[in-house]
Amino acid sequence: MNYVVDYPLQSLINSTSQSVVYLDKDCQVLFYNTMAEQSIRAYRKLRMQVGMQFQDCLFEGTSDRFLFYFNTALEGQKSDIEVQLPIGNAFAWHSIGFFPVYDDSNIICGVSFVFSDIHEKKLNELKNVAYVEALESIAWRQSHLFRAPLANIKGLAELLSLQVGVVIDNDFIEMLHMLKAESEKLDKEIHSIVGLTNEIKMGRFFKN
């Protein structure tokens, strides 16, 4: 199969920040953009060429998963996934897409493989998720674990105020008022944090 390059289209694809590779039905490389060439050279230390088997560009241990999505695209179904790929001694998050390519007769003739580095974006997402989960944990602890002792403190303060009797101890009364005031402040803060957590979950407030 001869693949005719549409040069205006190639120029447009080369300007994107995504790596784009066009593969035939046998997984041979028919076209790739500049970003794909640079990425494969950086990741795998090899130069991609038209006609080569794209499996040679894959990381060790990823071939079976790649072929699953590749064959899924050949059946007409596109896939968008996020995976961690080994880069040196570390792992980096990548967004990967497999899209069926159709000829003029609307017959699938290959697969467009698109991938890009989303590591920083993914880390920020995970940090924000962890942040919300941490706040939810704090809100739960304050709502369930602190409420009972707080209710006991407020009840005890109320009982003590009834036990003062006819003998008025000004110092005792003052400390009792302080105890009640502080318990009310704590109760208010618990309500505030629980409310703030609910706002974060609903997207009304966000912290980077």
Protein backbone atom coordinates (compact mmCIF):
# COMPACT_ATOMS: atom_id res chain seq x y z
CA MET A 1 0.00 0.00 0.00
CA ASN A 2 1.39 3.37 -1.00
CA TYR A 3 0.82 6.20 1.42
CA VAL A 4 0.67 9.63 -0.20
CA VAL A 5 1.64 12.44 2.12
CA ASP A 6 -0.61 15.46 2.24
CA TYR A 7 2.05 18.07 2.94
CA PRO A 8 -0.24 20.82 4.30
CA LEU A 9 -1.76 18.23 6.62
CA GLN A 10 1.69 16.94 7.57
CA SER A 11 2.77 20.48 8.43
CA LEU A 12 -0.29 20.89 10.63
CA ILE A 13 0.28 17.56 12.40
CA ASN A 14 3.94 18.40 12.95
CA SER A 15 2.94 21.57 14.78
CA THR A 16 0.94 19.72 17.45
CA SER A 17 2.37 18.88 20.86
CA GLN A 18 1.03 15.33 20.57
CA SER A 19 2.96 12.46 19.06
CA VAL A 20 1.07 11.04 16.07
CA VAL A 21 1.85 7.76 14.28
CA TYR A 22 -0.15 6.24 11.43
CA LEU A 23 0.05 2.44 11.26
CA ASP A 24 -1.23 0.05 8.60
CA LYS A 25 -3.27 -3.05 9.47
CA ASP A 26 -0.05 -5.02 10.00
CA CYS A 27 1.21 -2.43 12.51
CA GLN A 28 3.85 -1.08 10.15
CA VAL A 29 4.69 2.62 10.38
CA LEU A 30 3.32 4.60 7.44
CA PHE A 31 3.64 8.09 8.86
CA TYR A 32 4.80 9.87 12.01
CA ASN A 33 5.12 13.48 13.02
CA THR A 34 8.13 15.30 14.41
CA MET A 35 7.00 14.99 18.01
CA ALA A 36 6.60 11.22 17.68
CA GLU A 37 10.09 10.87 16.22
CA GLN A 38 11.60 12.93 19.02
CA SER A 39 9.67 11.06 21.71
CA ILE A 40 10.61 7.60 20.47
CA ARG A 41 14.23 8.68 20.15
CA ALA A 42 14.20 10.00 23.73
CA TYR A 43 12.30 7.06 25.24
CA ARG A 44 13.68 4.09 23.31
CA LYS A 45 16.98 5.40 21.96
CA LEU A 46 16.10 4.41 18.40
CA ARG A 47 15.08 6.19 15.23
CA MET A 48 11.61 5.50 13.89
CA GLN A 49 11.36 4.86 10.17
CA VAL A 50 8.57 4.31 7.67
CA GLY A 51 8.04 0.59 7.11
CA MET A 52 9.31 -0.58 10.49
CA GLN A 53 7.18 -2.60 12.88
CA PHE A 54 5.91 -0.25 15.57
CA GLN A 55 6.23 -2.99 18.20
CA ASP A 56 9.98 -2.34 18.00
CA CYS A 57 9.30 1.13 19.45
CA LEU A 58 7.36 -0.13 22.44
CA PHE A 59 8.57 -0.48 26.00
CA GLU A 60 9.29 -3.96 27.21
CA GLY A 61 6.21 -5.67 28.57
CA THR A 62 3.71 -3.32 26.86
CA SER A 63 3.32 -5.13 23.52
CA ASP A 64 0.31 -7.27 24.49
CA ARG A 65 -1.63 -4.32 25.85
CA PHE A 66 -0.75 -2.20 22.81
CA LEU A 67 -1.90 -4.92 20.38
CA PHE A 68 -5.19 -5.29 22.27
CA TYR A 69 -6.09 -1.63 21.73
CA PHE A 70 -4.61 -1.67 18.22
CA ASN A 71 -6.86 -4.58 17.21
CA THR A 72 -9.80 -2.90 18.94
CA ALA A 73 -9.24 0.13 16.68
CA LEU A 74 -9.09 -2.15 13.62
CA GLU A 75 -12.57 -3.32 14.64
CA GLY A 76 -13.79 0.28 14.52
CA GLN A 77 -13.64 1.24 18.19
CA LYS A 78 -11.48 4.07 19.44
CA SER A 79 -9.76 4.00 22.83
CA ASP A 80 -8.41 6.74 25.09
CA ILE A 81 -6.35 5.59 28.06
CA GLU A 82 -3.91 6.99 30.61
CA VAL A 83 -0.92 4.84 31.53
CA GLN A 84 2.39 5.06 33.34
CA LEU A 85 5.37 4.28 31.12
CA PRO A 86 8.94 3.66 32.28
CA ILE A 87 11.24 6.58 31.50
CA GLY A 88 14.75 5.79 32.69
CA ASN A 89 14.53 4.82 36.34
CA ALA A 90 11.13 6.44 36.84
CA PHE A 91 7.60 6.30 35.45
CA ALA A 92 5.72 9.05 33.63
CA TRP A 93 2.01 9.38 32.91
CA HIS A 94 0.98 9.42 29.25
CA SER A 95 -2.31 9.89 27.45
CA ILE A 96 -2.68 7.37 24.63
CA GLY A 97 -5.32 7.16 21.92
CA PHE A 98 -6.06 4.52 19.28
CA PHE A 99 -8.29 5.62 16.39
CA PRO A 100 -9.43 3.67 13.34
CA VAL A 101 -8.47 5.22 9.98
CA TYR A 102 -10.84 4.84 7.03
CA ASP A 103 -10.10 5.00 3.30
CA ASP A 104 -12.27 6.66 0.66
CA SER A 105 -14.53 3.58 0.59
CA ASN A 106 -15.12 3.90 4.36
CA ILE A 107 -13.11 0.73 4.99
CA ILE A 108 -10.67 0.63 7.90
CA CYS A 109 -7.17 0.70 6.48
CA GLY A 110 -5.09 1.37 9.55
CA VAL A 111 -4.82 2.92 12.99
CA SER A 112 -3.83 6.37 14.15
CA PHE A 113 -1.81 6.12 17.37
CA VAL A 114 -1.62 9.35 19.38
CA PHE A 115 0.26 9.82 22.63
CA SER A 116 1.46 12.69 24.80
CA ASP A 117 3.20 13.30 28.11
CA ILE A 118 0.66 14.33 30.77
CA HIS A 119 2.85 13.61 33.79
CA GLU A 120 2.73 17.05 35.41
CA LYS A 121 -0.98 17.43 34.73
CA LYS A 122 -1.71 13.99 36.15
CA LEU A 123 0.36 14.62 39.27
CA ASN A 124 -1.57 17.83 39.89
CA GLU A 125 -4.86 15.96 39.46
CA LEU A 126 -3.74 13.27 41.88
CA LYS A 127 -2.59 15.89 44.37
CA ASN A 128 -5.96 17.63 44.17
CA VAL A 129 -7.80 14.33 44.59
CA ALA A 130 -5.63 13.52 47.60
CA TYR A 131 -6.31 17.01 48.95
CA VAL A 132 -10.08 16.57 48.70
CA GLU A 133 -9.88 13.08 50.20
CA ALA A 134 -7.82 14.42 53.09
CA LEU A 135 -10.37 17.16 53.74
CA GLU A 136 -13.17 14.61 53.61
CA SER A 137 -11.31 12.55 56.19
CA ILE A 138 -10.86 15.60 58.41
CA ALA A 139 -14.51 16.54 58.07
CA TRP A 140 -15.60 13.00 58.91
CA ARG A 141 -13.37 12.88 61.98
CA GLN A 142 -14.61 16.23 63.19
CA SER A 143 -18.23 15.39 62.45
CA HIS A 144 -18.20 11.93 64.02
CA LEU A 145 -15.32 11.78 66.48
CA PHE A 146 -15.35 15.29 67.93
CA ARG A 147 -19.08 15.88 68.08
CA ALA A 148 -19.74 13.39 70.91
CA PRO A 149 -17.03 14.77 73.27
CA LEU A 150 -18.13 18.30 72.39
CA ALA A 151 -21.75 17.47 73.23
CA ASN A 152 -20.57 15.99 76.53
CA ILE A 153 -18.59 19.13 77.36
CA LYS A 154 -21.57 21.37 76.59
CA GLY A 155 -23.88 19.12 78.63
CA LEU A 156 -21.44 19.05 81.54
CA ALA A 157 -21.14 22.84 81.46
CA GLU A 158 -24.91 23.09 81.57
CA LEU A 159 -25.13 20.71 84.52
CA LEU A 160 -22.42 22.57 86.41
CA SER A 161 -24.28 25.83 85.89
CA LEU A 162 -27.31 24.26 87.59
CA GLN A 163 -25.22 23.04 90.52
CA VAL A 164 -23.88 26.42 91.54
CA GLY A 165 -26.68 26.84 94.12
CA VAL A 166 -27.18 29.85 96.30
CA VAL A 167 -23.47 30.23 97.04
CA ILE A 168 -22.09 32.20 94.11
CA ASP A 169 -18.43 31.70 93.32
CA ASN A 170 -17.54 34.41 90.85
CA ASP A 171 -14.35 32.71 89.69
CA PHE A 172 -16.19 29.47 89.12
CA ILE A 173 -18.98 31.25 87.22
CA GLU A 174 -16.41 33.04 85.05
CA MET A 175 -14.61 29.77 84.21
CA LEU A 176 -17.94 28.13 83.46
CA HIS A 177 -18.84 30.90 81.02
CA MET A 178 -15.45 30.53 79.35
CA LEU A 179 -15.96 26.78 79.03
CA LYS A 180 -19.32 27.27 77.37
CA ALA A 181 -17.97 29.99 75.07
CA GLU A 182 -15.03 27.86 73.93
CA SER A 183 -17.24 24.83 73.32
CA GLU A 184 -19.51 26.99 71.16
CA LYS A 185 -16.52 28.27 69.19
CA LEU A 186 -15.32 24.70 68.62
CA ASP A 187 -18.79 23.68 67.48
CA LYS A 188 -18.84 26.59 65.02
CA GLU A 189 -15.43 25.61 63.59
CA ILE A 190 -16.56 22.02 63.08
CA HIS A 191 -19.60 23.25 61.13
CA SER A 192 -17.35 25.55 59.09
CA ILE A 193 -14.87 22.84 58.06
CA VAL A 194 -17.60 20.36 57.19
CA GLY A 195 -19.25 23.06 55.08
CA LEU A 196 -15.96 23.93 53.37
CA THR A 197 -15.37 20.28 52.47
CA ASN A 198 -18.82 20.08 50.91
CA GLU A 199 -18.09 23.19 48.84
CA ILE A 200 -14.83 21.68 47.58
CA LYS A 201 -16.62 18.48 46.59
CA MET A 202 -19.17 20.56 44.66
CA GLY A 203 -16.44 22.54 42.89
CA ARG A 204 -17.22 25.88 44.51
CA PHE A 205 -13.80 26.22 46.03
CA PHE A 206 -10.48 24.79 44.89
CA LYS A 207 -6.94 24.89 46.17
CA ASN A 208 -3.94 24.33 43.86
